[in-house]
Amino acid sequence: MTDATSPSRPTDDDLRQRLQAVRLEVGKAVVGQDAAVTGLIIALLARGHVLLEGVPGVAKTLLVRSLSTALQLDTKRVQFTPDLMPGDVTGSLVYDANTGEFEFREGPVFTNILLADEINRTPPKTQSALLEAMEERQVSVDGLAKPVPTPFLVAATQNPIEYEGTYTLPEAQLDRFLLKLVLDLPERDTEIEVLRRHAAGFNPRDLAGAGLRAVLSPADLVAAQSAAAATGVSTDVLGYVVDLARATRRSPSVRLGVSPRGTTALLAAAKAWAWLTGYPSLTPDHVQAMVLPVWRHRLQLRPEAELEGVGTDTILRQVLQQVQVPI
């Protein structure tokens, strides 16, 4: 009689190879957004959330749908509109005439990847309905906490704030997003490739027809999250993260710099990037690579800086140049 043994945990190299395969699968549907794909994978590894900003039509929604297919994760989409109510996102109590009691009906937030489409087209009250789920991984109903599934990621898309009919996201909401990824309009060759695929019959609503398949299981993703979190970090690199944050607070163009939550977010994202690229410990290069996507939405600029057209990315690049890098 032989003892039944459970399957062994994949090695870190196996997990990295499978995540590389995820990027290739997403590429079957989405062209020219490699940085955004990598950013979403980093956010998943770091157990964070992502804000995707770009004009309509740059494949923000298709990107999230393709990623969830390749990761074998359940996904739900909510179109945020001015009349959307908080209960439409989190769920609500519904009266059951048969039992004479109220029962909770889960909202779309109870999924692995929640696609919050055009989140800045709904008022701040509804935007804030996601706060507890994003931070605590639960929704409180009638005094009871109902956990959301694991893994869990909110991928929120928004149009640039100068577009008509948009609301600025509350500061507390912005701070809960690990990354803000900006999706620009494609280069000419990339746009030609998009058209070539459509001319050949590509249907963005039929990902299976495009050949997308699941190449990583949810259990493997959880294992990769644990491995990324265990990435080593030295005291010098921790000090470098803090020095960068303190430099943002001293910038004459900044009204409110990066908070301690911002430093922990940068640490988590940089560790995920270090692990994904095969490094056993964090280096200053990994920190530098993640500064813009992790911090660009956390700075509040002074009015005079905004009038002069100075952006947060410009400020952060200046900070990176000013702060001494540990040897």
C-alpha atoms as a PDB file:
ATOM      1  CA  MET A   1       0.000   0.000   0.000  1.00  0.00           C
ATOM      2  CA  THR A   2       1.451   3.362  -0.985  1.00  0.00           C
ATOM      3  CA  ASP A   3       0.768   6.644   0.730  1.00  0.00           C
ATOM      4  CA  ALA A   4      -1.026   9.260  -1.309  1.00  0.00           C
ATOM      5  CA  THR A   5       1.116  12.313  -1.706  1.00  0.00           C
ATOM      6  CA  SER A   6      -0.015  15.793  -2.621  1.00  0.00           C
ATOM      7  CA  PRO A   7       1.438  17.437  -5.708  1.00  0.00           C
ATOM      8  CA  SER A   8       4.638  19.298  -4.948  1.00  0.00           C
ATOM      9  CA  ARG A   9       4.634  23.075  -5.067  1.00  0.00           C
ATOM     10  CA  PRO A  10       6.018  24.467  -8.326  1.00  0.00           C
ATOM     11  CA  THR A  11       9.490  25.954  -8.076  1.00  0.00           C
ATOM     12  CA  ASP A  12       9.976  29.694  -8.381  1.00  0.00           C
ATOM     13  CA  ASP A  13      11.456  29.201 -11.844  1.00  0.00           C
ATOM     14  CA  ASP A  14       8.386  27.191 -12.903  1.00  0.00           C
ATOM     15  CA  LEU A  15       6.082  29.934 -11.655  1.00  0.00           C
ATOM     16  CA  ARG A  16       8.063  32.634 -13.424  1.00  0.00           C
ATOM     17  CA  GLN A  17       7.930  30.669 -16.682  1.00  0.00           C
ATOM     18  CA  ARG A  18       4.176  30.283 -16.371  1.00  0.00           C
ATOM     19  CA  LEU A  19       3.769  34.006 -15.741  1.00  0.00           C
ATOM     20  CA  GLN A  20       5.834  34.664 -18.841  1.00  0.00           C
ATOM     21  CA  ALA A  21       3.414  32.377 -20.681  1.00  0.00           C
ATOM     22  CA  VAL A  22       0.563  34.529 -19.321  1.00  0.00           C
ATOM     23  CA  ARG A  23       2.098  37.567 -21.007  1.00  0.00           C
ATOM     24  CA  LEU A  24       2.309  35.679 -24.285  1.00  0.00           C
ATOM     25  CA  GLU A  25      -1.320  34.593 -24.042  1.00  0.00           C
ATOM     26  CA  VAL A  26      -2.509  38.141 -23.389  1.00  0.00           C
ATOM     27  CA  GLY A  27      -0.478  39.225 -26.413  1.00  0.00           C
ATOM     28  CA  LYS A  28      -2.757  37.098 -28.605  1.00  0.00           C
ATOM     29  CA  ALA A  29      -5.523  39.630 -27.968  1.00  0.00           C
ATOM     30  CA  VAL A  30      -3.780  42.856 -26.927  1.00  0.00           C
ATOM     31  CA  VAL A  31      -1.071  44.486 -29.040  1.00  0.00           C
ATOM     32  CA  GLY A  32       1.543  46.946 -27.813  1.00  0.00           C
ATOM     33  CA  GLN A  33       0.626  47.140 -24.118  1.00  0.00           C
ATOM     34  CA  ASP A  34       3.455  45.027 -22.681  1.00  0.00           C
ATOM     35  CA  ALA A  35       4.165  47.483 -19.857  1.00  0.00           C
ATOM     36  CA  ALA A  36       0.521  47.431 -18.762  1.00  0.00           C
ATOM     37  CA  VAL A  37       0.437  43.618 -18.823  1.00  0.00           C
ATOM     38  CA  THR A  38       3.570  43.499 -16.671  1.00  0.00           C
ATOM     39  CA  GLY A  39       2.090  46.067 -14.309  1.00  0.00           C
ATOM     40  CA  LEU A  40      -1.068  44.031 -13.805  1.00  0.00           C
ATOM     41  CA  ILE A  41       0.981  40.908 -13.076  1.00  0.00           C
ATOM     42  CA  ILE A  42       3.091  42.842 -10.557  1.00  0.00           C
ATOM     43  CA  ALA A  43      -0.077  44.111  -8.875  1.00  0.00           C
ATOM     44  CA  LEU A  44      -1.428  40.572  -8.607  1.00  0.00           C
ATOM     45  CA  LEU A  45       1.866  39.322  -7.132  1.00  0.00           C
ATOM     46  CA  ALA A  46       1.892  42.188  -4.620  1.00  0.00           C
ATOM     47  CA  ARG A  47      -1.816  41.708  -3.784  1.00  0.00           C
ATOM     48  CA  GLY A  48      -2.594  45.237  -4.943  1.00  0.00           C
ATOM     49  CA  HIS A  49      -5.018  47.017  -7.243  1.00  0.00           C
ATOM     50  CA  VAL A  50      -4.525  48.882 -10.505  1.00  0.00           C
ATOM     51  CA  LEU A  51      -5.866  52.103 -11.983  1.00  0.00           C
ATOM     52  CA  LEU A  52      -5.692  52.093 -15.785  1.00  0.00           C
ATOM     53  CA  GLU A  53      -5.895  55.526 -17.385  1.00  0.00           C
ATOM     54  CA  GLY A  54      -6.276  56.187 -21.075  1.00  0.00           C
ATOM     55  CA  VAL A  55      -8.614  57.563 -23.692  1.00  0.00           C
ATOM     56  CA  PRO A  56     -11.438  55.285 -24.846  1.00  0.00           C
ATOM     57  CA  GLY A  57     -10.412  52.599 -27.308  1.00  0.00           C
ATOM     58  CA  VAL A  58      -6.879  51.712 -26.156  1.00  0.00           C
ATOM     59  CA  ALA A  59      -7.886  48.170 -25.029  1.00  0.00           C
ATOM     60  CA  LYS A  60      -8.119  48.748 -21.269  1.00  0.00           C
ATOM     61  CA  THR A  61     -11.125  46.458 -20.893  1.00  0.00           C
ATOM     62  CA  LEU A  62      -9.791  43.859 -23.333  1.00  0.00           C
ATOM     63  CA  LEU A  63      -6.503  43.794 -21.425  1.00  0.00           C
ATOM     64  CA  VAL A  64      -8.193  42.869 -18.145  1.00  0.00           C
ATOM     65  CA  ARG A  65     -10.471  40.275 -19.743  1.00  0.00           C
ATOM     66  CA  SER A  66      -7.524  38.645 -21.512  1.00  0.00           C
ATOM     67  CA  LEU A  67      -5.462  38.516 -18.318  1.00  0.00           C
ATOM     68  CA  SER A  68      -8.265  36.892 -16.330  1.00  0.00           C
ATOM     69  CA  THR A  69      -8.663  34.257 -19.061  1.00  0.00           C
ATOM     70  CA  ALA A  70      -4.941  33.413 -19.039  1.00  0.00           C
ATOM     71  CA  LEU A  71      -4.974  33.187 -15.226  1.00  0.00           C
ATOM     72  CA  GLN A  72      -8.149  31.104 -15.021  1.00  0.00           C
ATOM     73  CA  LEU A  73      -9.697  33.685 -12.704  1.00  0.00           C
ATOM     74  CA  ASP A  74     -13.328  34.658 -12.363  1.00  0.00           C
ATOM     75  CA  THR A  75     -13.964  38.226 -13.478  1.00  0.00           C
ATOM     76  CA  LYS A  76     -16.939  40.555 -13.390  1.00  0.00           C
ATOM     77  CA  ARG A  77     -17.407  43.930 -15.004  1.00  0.00           C
ATOM     78  CA  VAL A  78     -19.251  46.938 -13.653  1.00  0.00           C
ATOM     79  CA  GLN A  79     -19.913  49.927 -15.891  1.00  0.00           C
ATOM     80  CA  PHE A  80     -19.710  52.925 -13.569  1.00  0.00           C
ATOM     81  CA  THR A  81     -22.345  55.541 -14.399  1.00  0.00           C
ATOM     82  CA  PRO A  82     -23.659  58.666 -12.619  1.00  0.00           C
ATOM     83  CA  ASP A  83     -26.696  56.772 -11.275  1.00  0.00           C
ATOM     84  CA  LEU A  84     -24.808  53.709  -9.974  1.00  0.00           C
ATOM     85  CA  MET A  85     -25.456  53.054  -6.267  1.00  0.00           C
ATOM     86  CA  PRO A  86     -22.999  51.535  -3.742  1.00  0.00           C
ATOM     87  CA  GLY A  87     -25.186  48.454  -3.344  1.00  0.00           C
ATOM     88  CA  ASP A  88     -24.954  47.831  -7.076  1.00  0.00           C
ATOM     89  CA  VAL A  89     -21.250  47.116  -6.501  1.00  0.00           C
ATOM     90  CA  THR A  90     -21.030  45.474  -3.089  1.00  0.00           C
ATOM     91  CA  GLY A  91     -24.446  43.831  -2.875  1.00  0.00           C
ATOM     92  CA  SER A  92     -27.522  44.537  -0.795  1.00  0.00           C
ATOM     93  CA  LEU A  93     -30.043  43.054   1.587  1.00  0.00           C
ATOM     94  CA  VAL A  94     -33.113  41.680  -0.188  1.00  0.00           C
ATOM     95  CA  TYR A  95     -36.382  40.728   1.499  1.00  0.00           C
ATOM     96  CA  ASP A  96     -37.352  37.070   1.062  1.00  0.00           C
ATOM     97  CA  ALA A  97     -41.131  36.769   1.124  1.00  0.00           C
ATOM     98  CA  ASN A  98     -40.930  33.023   1.769  1.00  0.00           C
ATOM     99  CA  THR A  99     -38.882  33.276   4.964  1.00  0.00           C
ATOM    100  CA  GLY A 100     -39.965  36.766   6.005  1.00  0.00           C
ATOM    101  CA  GLU A 101     -36.303  37.730   6.462  1.00  0.00           C
ATOM    102  CA  PHE A 102     -33.712  39.797   4.664  1.00  0.00           C
ATOM    103  CA  GLU A 103     -30.889  37.954   2.944  1.00  0.00           C
ATOM    104  CA  PHE A 104     -27.724  39.301   1.409  1.00  0.00           C
ATOM    105  CA  ARG A 105     -27.430  39.186  -2.344  1.00  0.00           C
ATOM    106  CA  GLU A 106     -23.783  39.407  -3.388  1.00  0.00           C
ATOM    107  CA  GLY A 107     -22.728  42.160  -5.737  1.00  0.00           C
ATOM    108  CA  PRO A 108     -20.161  41.881  -8.527  1.00  0.00           C
ATOM    109  CA  VAL A 109     -17.332  42.703  -6.098  1.00  0.00           C
ATOM    110  CA  PHE A 110     -17.396  39.035  -5.068  1.00  0.00           C
ATOM    111  CA  THR A 111     -15.041  37.840  -7.793  1.00  0.00           C
ATOM    112  CA  ASN A 112     -11.304  37.446  -8.403  1.00  0.00           C
ATOM    113  CA  ILE A 113     -10.839  40.373 -10.765  1.00  0.00           C
ATOM    114  CA  LEU A 114     -13.354  43.198 -10.651  1.00  0.00           C
ATOM    115  CA  LEU A 115     -13.239  45.370 -13.755  1.00  0.00           C
ATOM    116  CA  ALA A 116     -14.499  48.762 -12.629  1.00  0.00           C
ATOM    117  CA  ASP A 117     -15.005  50.368 -16.024  1.00  0.00           C
ATOM    118  CA  GLU A 118     -14.804  54.175 -16.197  1.00  0.00           C
ATOM    119  CA  ILE A 119     -14.758  54.473 -12.429  1.00  0.00           C
ATOM    120  CA  ASN A 120     -14.500  58.253 -12.591  1.00  0.00           C
ATOM    121  CA  ARG A 121     -17.895  58.581 -14.267  1.00  0.00           C
ATOM    122  CA  THR A 122     -19.696  57.820 -11.006  1.00  0.00           C
ATOM    123  CA  PRO A 123     -19.954  60.107  -7.944  1.00  0.00           C
ATOM    124  CA  PRO A 124     -17.442  59.757  -5.067  1.00  0.00           C
ATOM    125  CA  LYS A 125     -20.021  58.044  -2.804  1.00  0.00           C
ATOM    126  CA  THR A 126     -20.205  55.040  -5.112  1.00  0.00           C
ATOM    127  CA  GLN A 127     -16.475  55.106  -5.825  1.00  0.00           C
ATOM    128  CA  SER A 128     -15.865  54.842  -2.086  1.00  0.00           C
ATOM    129  CA  ALA A 129     -18.041  51.727  -1.851  1.00  0.00           C
ATOM    130  CA  LEU A 130     -15.004  49.787  -3.008  1.00  0.00           C
ATOM    131  CA  LEU A 131     -12.730  51.027  -0.222  1.00  0.00           C
ATOM    132  CA  GLU A 132     -13.408  48.284   2.316  1.00  0.00           C
ATOM    133  CA  ALA A 133     -13.182  45.511  -0.264  1.00  0.00           C
ATOM    134  CA  MET A 134      -9.898  46.888  -1.611  1.00  0.00           C
ATOM    135  CA  GLU A 135      -8.269  47.414   1.777  1.00  0.00           C
ATOM    136  CA  GLU A 136      -9.784  44.727   3.994  1.00  0.00           C
ATOM    137  CA  ARG A 137     -10.738  42.119   1.372  1.00  0.00           C
ATOM    138  CA  GLN A 138     -14.249  42.031   2.792  1.00  0.00           C
ATOM    139  CA  VAL A 139     -17.638  43.720   2.666  1.00  0.00           C
ATOM    140  CA  SER A 140     -19.525  44.532   5.864  1.00  0.00           C
ATOM    141  CA  VAL A 141     -23.255  43.878   5.751  1.00  0.00           C
ATOM    142  CA  ASP A 142     -25.557  44.313   8.733  1.00  0.00           C
ATOM    143  CA  GLY A 143     -22.578  44.064  11.091  1.00  0.00           C
ATOM    144  CA  LEU A 144     -21.186  40.915   9.474  1.00  0.00           C
ATOM    145  CA  ALA A 145     -17.986  40.726   7.424  1.00  0.00           C
ATOM    146  CA  LYS A 146     -18.243  38.809   4.154  1.00  0.00           C
ATOM    147  CA  PRO A 147     -14.819  38.075   2.619  1.00  0.00           C
ATOM    148  CA  VAL A 148     -14.210  38.463  -1.087  1.00  0.00           C
ATOM    149  CA  PRO A 149     -12.526  35.577  -2.952  1.00  0.00           C
ATOM    150  CA  THR A 150      -8.758  35.037  -3.052  1.00  0.00           C
ATOM    151  CA  PRO A 151      -6.940  36.231  -5.097  1.00  0.00           C
ATOM    152  CA  PHE A 152      -8.704  39.562  -5.485  1.00  0.00           C
ATOM    153  CA  LEU A 153      -7.827  42.556  -7.642  1.00  0.00           C
ATOM    154  CA  VAL A 154      -9.722  45.677  -8.613  1.00  0.00           C
ATOM    155  CA  ALA A 155      -8.725  46.855 -12.077  1.00  0.00           C
ATOM    156  CA  ALA A 156     -10.355  50.240 -12.516  1.00  0.00           C
ATOM    157  CA  THR A 157     -10.289  52.108 -15.802  1.00  0.00           C
ATOM    158  CA  GLN A 158     -10.685  55.844 -16.060  1.00  0.00           C
ATOM    159  CA  ASN A 159     -10.670  58.450 -18.778  1.00  0.00           C
ATOM    160  CA  PRO A 160      -8.332  61.438 -18.381  1.00  0.00           C
ATOM    161  CA  ILE A 161      -9.907  63.842 -15.880  1.00  0.00           C
ATOM    162  CA  GLU A 162     -10.274  66.650 -18.408  1.00  0.00           C
ATOM    163  CA  TYR A 163     -12.925  64.619 -20.233  1.00  0.00           C
ATOM    164  CA  GLU A 164     -16.534  65.786 -19.828  1.00  0.00           C
ATOM    165  CA  GLY A 165     -18.662  63.966 -17.258  1.00  0.00           C
ATOM    166  CA  THR A 166     -15.827  62.705 -15.065  1.00  0.00           C
ATOM    167  CA  TYR A 167     -15.268  63.023 -11.322  1.00  0.00           C
ATOM    168  CA  THR A 168     -11.910  63.230  -9.596  1.00  0.00           C
ATOM    169  CA  LEU A 169     -11.316  60.118  -7.496  1.00  0.00           C
ATOM    170  CA  PRO A 170     -11.190  60.811  -3.722  1.00  0.00           C
ATOM    171  CA  GLU A 171      -7.684  60.867  -2.248  1.00  0.00           C
ATOM    172  CA  ALA A 172      -8.461  57.909   0.022  1.00  0.00           C
ATOM    173  CA  GLN A 173      -9.596  55.896  -2.993  1.00  0.00           C
ATOM    174  CA  LEU A 174      -6.523  56.764  -5.048  1.00  0.00           C
ATOM    175  CA  ASP A 175      -4.242  55.736  -2.200  1.00  0.00           C
ATOM    176  CA  ARG A 176      -5.678  52.194  -2.263  1.00  0.00           C
ATOM    177  CA  PHE A 177      -4.474  51.589  -5.812  1.00  0.00           C
ATOM    178  CA  LEU A 178      -1.012  50.051  -5.835  1.00  0.00           C
ATOM    179  CA  LEU A 179      -0.279  51.193  -9.402  1.00  0.00           C
ATOM    180  CA  LYS A 180      -1.528  53.779 -11.833  1.00  0.00           C
ATOM    181  CA  LEU A 181      -0.738  52.667 -15.374  1.00  0.00           C
ATOM    182  CA  VAL A 182      -1.114  55.089 -18.277  1.00  0.00           C
ATOM    183  CA  LEU A 183      -2.079  53.531 -21.610  1.00  0.00           C
ATOM    184  CA  ASP A 184      -1.056  55.826 -24.443  1.00  0.00           C
ATOM    185  CA  LEU A 185      -2.296  55.783 -28.013  1.00  0.00           C
ATOM    186  CA  PRO A 186      -0.400  53.148 -30.020  1.00  0.00           C
ATOM    187  CA  GLU A 187       2.484  53.820 -32.376  1.00  0.00           C
ATOM    188  CA  ARG A 188       1.769  53.614 -36.108  1.00  0.00           C
ATOM    189  CA  ASP A 189       3.172  50.082 -36.567  1.00  0.00           C
ATOM    190  CA  THR A 190       1.249  48.836 -33.543  1.00  0.00           C
ATOM    191  CA  GLU A 191      -2.000  50.286 -34.821  1.00  0.00           C
ATOM    192  CA  ILE A 192      -1.415  48.659 -38.213  1.00  0.00           C
ATOM    193  CA  GLU A 193      -0.980  45.307 -36.439  1.00  0.00           C
ATOM    194  CA  VAL A 194      -4.287  45.863 -34.596  1.00  0.00           C
ATOM    195  CA  LEU A 195      -6.047  46.495 -37.883  1.00  0.00           C
ATOM    196  CA  ARG A 196      -4.338  43.509 -39.492  1.00  0.00           C
ATOM    197  CA  ARG A 197      -5.707  41.209 -36.786  1.00  0.00           C
ATOM    198  CA  HIS A 198      -9.210  42.622 -37.142  1.00  0.00           C
ATOM    199  CA  ALA A 199      -9.003  42.256 -40.926  1.00  0.00           C
ATOM    200  CA  ALA A 200      -8.089  38.593 -40.358  1.00  0.00           C
ATOM    201  CA  GLY A 201     -11.244  38.050 -38.295  1.00  0.00           C
ATOM    202  CA  PHE A 202     -10.187  38.801 -34.712  1.00  0.00           C
ATOM    203  CA  ASN A 203     -13.228  39.314 -32.461  1.00  0.00           C
ATOM    204  CA  PRO A 204     -12.411  40.973 -29.107  1.00  0.00           C
ATOM    205  CA  ARG A 205     -15.598  39.476 -27.633  1.00  0.00           C
ATOM    206  CA  ASP A 206     -14.465  35.940 -28.470  1.00  0.00           C
ATOM    207  CA  LEU A 207     -11.182  35.360 -26.649  1.00  0.00           C
ATOM    208  CA  ALA A 208     -11.441  31.595 -27.031  1.00  0.00           C
ATOM    209  CA  GLY A 209     -11.649  32.079 -30.776  1.00  0.00           C
ATOM    210  CA  ALA A 210      -8.437  34.094 -30.593  1.00  0.00           C
ATOM    211  CA  GLY A 211      -6.703  31.079 -29.044  1.00  0.00           C
ATOM    212  CA  LEU A 212      -6.388  32.358 -25.478  1.00  0.00           C
ATOM    213  CA  ARG A 213      -6.088  29.631 -22.864  1.00  0.00           C
ATOM    214  CA  ALA A 214      -5.441  29.384 -19.147  1.00  0.00           C
ATOM    215  CA  VAL A 215      -1.746  28.819 -18.403  1.00  0.00           C
ATOM    216  CA  LEU A 216      -1.632  29.512 -14.653  1.00  0.00           C
ATOM    217  CA  SER A 217      -4.011  28.285 -11.963  1.00  0.00           C
ATOM    218  CA  PRO A 218      -5.291  30.418  -9.053  1.00  0.00           C
ATOM    219  CA  ALA A 219      -3.354  28.135  -6.653  1.00  0.00           C
ATOM    220  CA  ASP A 220      -0.145  28.786  -8.598  1.00  0.00           C
ATOM    221  CA  LEU A 221      -0.796  32.521  -8.436  1.00  0.00           C
ATOM    222  CA  VAL A 222      -1.196  32.370  -4.656  1.00  0.00           C
ATOM    223  CA  ALA A 223       2.096  30.435  -4.463  1.00  0.00           C
ATOM    224  CA  ALA A 224       3.777  33.104  -6.594  1.00  0.00           C
ATOM    225  CA  GLN A 225       2.397  35.816  -4.307  1.00  0.00           C
ATOM    226  CA  SER A 226       3.982  34.134  -1.289  1.00  0.00           C
ATOM    227  CA  ALA A 227       7.296  33.696  -3.103  1.00  0.00           C
ATOM    228  CA  ALA A 228       7.378  37.344  -4.182  1.00  0.00           C
ATOM    229  CA  ALA A 229       6.584  38.542  -0.656  1.00  0.00           C
ATOM    230  CA  ALA A 230       9.565  36.548   0.652  1.00  0.00           C
ATOM    231  CA  THR A 231      12.051  38.457  -1.529  1.00  0.00           C
ATOM    232  CA  GLY A 232      14.913  39.726   0.620  1.00  0.00           C
ATOM    233  CA  VAL A 233      15.620  43.408   1.182  1.00  0.00           C
ATOM    234  CA  SER A 234      18.551  45.113   2.887  1.00  0.00           C
ATOM    235  CA  THR A 235      18.414  47.983   5.362  1.00  0.00           C
ATOM    236  CA  ASP A 236      20.183  50.220   2.836  1.00  0.00           C
ATOM    237  CA  VAL A 237      17.472  49.666   0.232  1.00  0.00           C
ATOM    238  CA  LEU A 238      14.759  50.278   2.831  1.00  0.00           C
ATOM    239  CA  GLY A 239      16.488  53.548   3.671  1.00  0.00           C
ATOM    240  CA  TYR A 240      16.572  54.424  -0.028  1.00  0.00           C
ATOM    241  CA  VAL A 241      12.791  53.994  -0.285  1.00  0.00           C
ATOM    242  CA  VAL A 242      12.275  56.256   2.728  1.00  0.00           C
ATOM    243  CA  ASP A 243      14.711  58.875   1.384  1.00  0.00           C
ATOM    244  CA  LEU A 244      12.818  58.985  -1.919  1.00  0.00           C
ATOM    245  CA  ALA A 245       9.514  59.476  -0.108  1.00  0.00           C
ATOM    246  CA  ARG A 246      10.939  62.231   2.102  1.00  0.00           C
ATOM    247  CA  ALA A 247      12.327  63.966  -0.989  1.00  0.00           C
ATOM    248  CA  THR A 248       8.810  64.162  -2.474  1.00  0.00           C
ATOM    249  CA  ARG A 249       7.613  65.882   0.693  1.00  0.00           C
ATOM    250  CA  ARG A 250      10.354  68.524   0.391  1.00  0.00           C
ATOM    251  CA  SER A 251       9.755  69.291  -3.281  1.00  0.00           C
ATOM    252  CA  PRO A 252       8.682  72.936  -3.772  1.00  0.00           C
ATOM    253  CA  SER A 253       6.140  71.821  -6.390  1.00  0.00           C
ATOM    254  CA  VAL A 254       4.419  69.328  -4.076  1.00  0.00           C
ATOM    255  CA  ARG A 255       1.684  70.207  -1.589  1.00  0.00           C
ATOM    256  CA  LEU A 256       1.439  66.699  -0.137  1.00  0.00           C
ATOM    257  CA  GLY A 257       4.140  64.095  -0.709  1.00  0.00           C
ATOM    258  CA  VAL A 258       4.195  60.338  -0.447  1.00  0.00           C
ATOM    259  CA  SER A 259       2.776  58.907   2.787  1.00  0.00           C
ATOM    260  CA  PRO A 260       4.074  55.870   4.716  1.00  0.00           C
ATOM    261  CA  ARG A 261       1.403  53.814   2.935  1.00  0.00           C
ATOM    262  CA  GLY A 262       3.071  54.879  -0.287  1.00  0.00           C
ATOM    263  CA  THR A 263       6.447  53.589   0.890  1.00  0.00           C
ATOM    264  CA  THR A 264       5.001  50.182   1.789  1.00  0.00           C
ATOM    265  CA  ALA A 265       3.281  50.072  -1.606  1.00  0.00           C
ATOM    266  CA  LEU A 266       6.570  50.803  -3.378  1.00  0.00           C
ATOM    267  CA  LEU A 267       8.322  48.111  -1.351  1.00  0.00           C
ATOM    268  CA  ALA A 268       5.684  45.498  -2.227  1.00  0.00           C
ATOM    269  CA  ALA A 269       5.689  46.343  -5.939  1.00  0.00           C
ATOM    270  CA  ALA A 270       9.486  46.441  -6.155  1.00  0.00           C
ATOM    271  CA  LYS A 271       9.776  43.070  -4.400  1.00  0.00           C
ATOM    272  CA  ALA A 272       7.286  41.594  -6.871  1.00  0.00           C
ATOM    273  CA  TRP A 273       9.286  42.990  -9.804  1.00  0.00           C
ATOM    274  CA  ALA A 274      12.566  41.697  -8.345  1.00  0.00           C
ATOM    275  CA  TRP A 275      11.109  38.204  -7.895  1.00  0.00           C
ATOM    276  CA  LEU A 276       9.543  38.237 -11.377  1.00  0.00           C
ATOM    277  CA  THR A 277      12.923  39.078 -12.921  1.00  0.00           C
ATOM    278  CA  GLY A 278      14.678  36.305 -10.993  1.00  0.00           C
ATOM    279  CA  TYR A 279      16.488  38.283  -8.275  1.00  0.00           C
ATOM    280  CA  PRO A 280      16.701  36.805  -4.743  1.00  0.00           C
ATOM    281  CA  SER A 281      16.752  40.241  -3.128  1.00  0.00           C
ATOM    282  CA  LEU A 282      15.671  43.780  -3.856  1.00  0.00           C
ATOM    283  CA  THR A 283      18.040  46.229  -5.559  1.00  0.00           C
ATOM    284  CA  PRO A 284      17.790  50.021  -6.044  1.00  0.00           C
ATOM    285  CA  ASP A 285      17.127  49.387  -9.757  1.00  0.00           C
ATOM    286  CA  HIS A 286      13.905  47.537  -8.925  1.00  0.00           C
ATOM    287  CA  VAL A 287      12.822  50.393  -6.660  1.00  0.00           C
ATOM    288  CA  GLN A 288      13.543  52.982  -9.352  1.00  0.00           C
ATOM    289  CA  ALA A 289      11.597  51.005 -11.960  1.00  0.00           C
ATOM    290  CA  MET A 290       8.441  51.101  -9.825  1.00  0.00           C
ATOM    291  CA  VAL A 291       8.539  54.682  -8.513  1.00  0.00           C
ATOM    292  CA  LEU A 292       6.459  56.264 -11.283  1.00  0.00           C
ATOM    293  CA  PRO A 293       3.595  53.736 -11.474  1.00  0.00           C
ATOM    294  CA  VAL A 294       3.367  53.405  -7.676  1.00  0.00           C
ATOM    295  CA  TRP A 295       3.651  57.088  -6.746  1.00  0.00           C
ATOM    296  CA  ARG A 296       2.346  59.134  -9.701  1.00  0.00           C
ATOM    297  CA  HIS A 297      -1.209  59.146  -8.291  1.00  0.00           C
ATOM    298  CA  ARG A 298      -0.182  59.801  -4.676  1.00  0.00           C
ATOM    299  CA  LEU A 299       1.379  63.254  -5.053  1.00  0.00           C
ATOM    300  CA  GLN A 300      -0.689  66.408  -4.663  1.00  0.00           C
ATOM    301  CA  LEU A 301       0.875  69.301  -6.521  1.00  0.00           C
ATOM    302  CA  ARG A 302       0.721  72.963  -5.632  1.00  0.00           C
ATOM    303  CA  PRO A 303      -1.627  75.044  -7.828  1.00  0.00           C
ATOM    304  CA  GLU A 304       1.243  77.035  -9.308  1.00  0.00           C
ATOM    305  CA  ALA A 305       2.947  73.810 -10.444  1.00  0.00           C
ATOM    306  CA  GLU A 306      -0.241  72.631 -12.139  1.00  0.00           C
ATOM    307  CA  LEU A 307      -0.625  76.006 -13.857  1.00  0.00           C
ATOM    308  CA  GLU A 308       2.902  75.669 -15.196  1.00  0.00           C
ATOM    309  CA  GLY A 309       2.048  72.238 -16.580  1.00  0.00           C
ATOM    310  CA  VAL A 310       4.399  70.334 -14.271  1.00  0.00           C
ATOM    311  CA  GLY A 311       3.242  66.725 -13.907  1.00  0.00           C
ATOM    312  CA  THR A 312       3.843  64.194 -11.151  1.00  0.00           C
ATOM    313  CA  ASP A 313       6.018  62.063 -13.420  1.00  0.00           C
ATOM    314  CA  THR A 314       8.350  65.038 -13.918  1.00  0.00           C
ATOM    315  CA  ILE A 315       8.610  65.588 -10.157  1.00  0.00           C
ATOM    316  CA  LEU A 316       9.338  61.926  -9.510  1.00  0.00           C
ATOM    317  CA  ARG A 317      12.077  61.827 -12.146  1.00  0.00           C
ATOM    318  CA  GLN A 318      13.673  64.835 -10.468  1.00  0.00           C
ATOM    319  CA  VAL A 319      13.518  63.071  -7.100  1.00  0.00           C
ATOM    320  CA  LEU A 320      15.182  59.983  -8.567  1.00  0.00           C
ATOM    321  CA  GLN A 321      18.026  62.153  -9.829  1.00  0.00           C
ATOM    322  CA  GLN A 322      18.459  63.992  -6.535  1.00  0.00           C
ATOM    323  CA  VAL A 323      18.443  61.149  -4.010  1.00  0.00           C
ATOM    324  CA  GLN A 324      21.721  59.281  -3.547  1.00  0.00           C
ATOM    325  CA  VAL A 325      21.568  55.636  -4.560  1.00  0.00           C
ATOM    326  CA  PRO A 326      23.019  53.161  -2.016  1.00  0.00           C
ATOM    327  CA  ILE A 327      26.046  51.244  -3.223  1.00  0.00           C
END
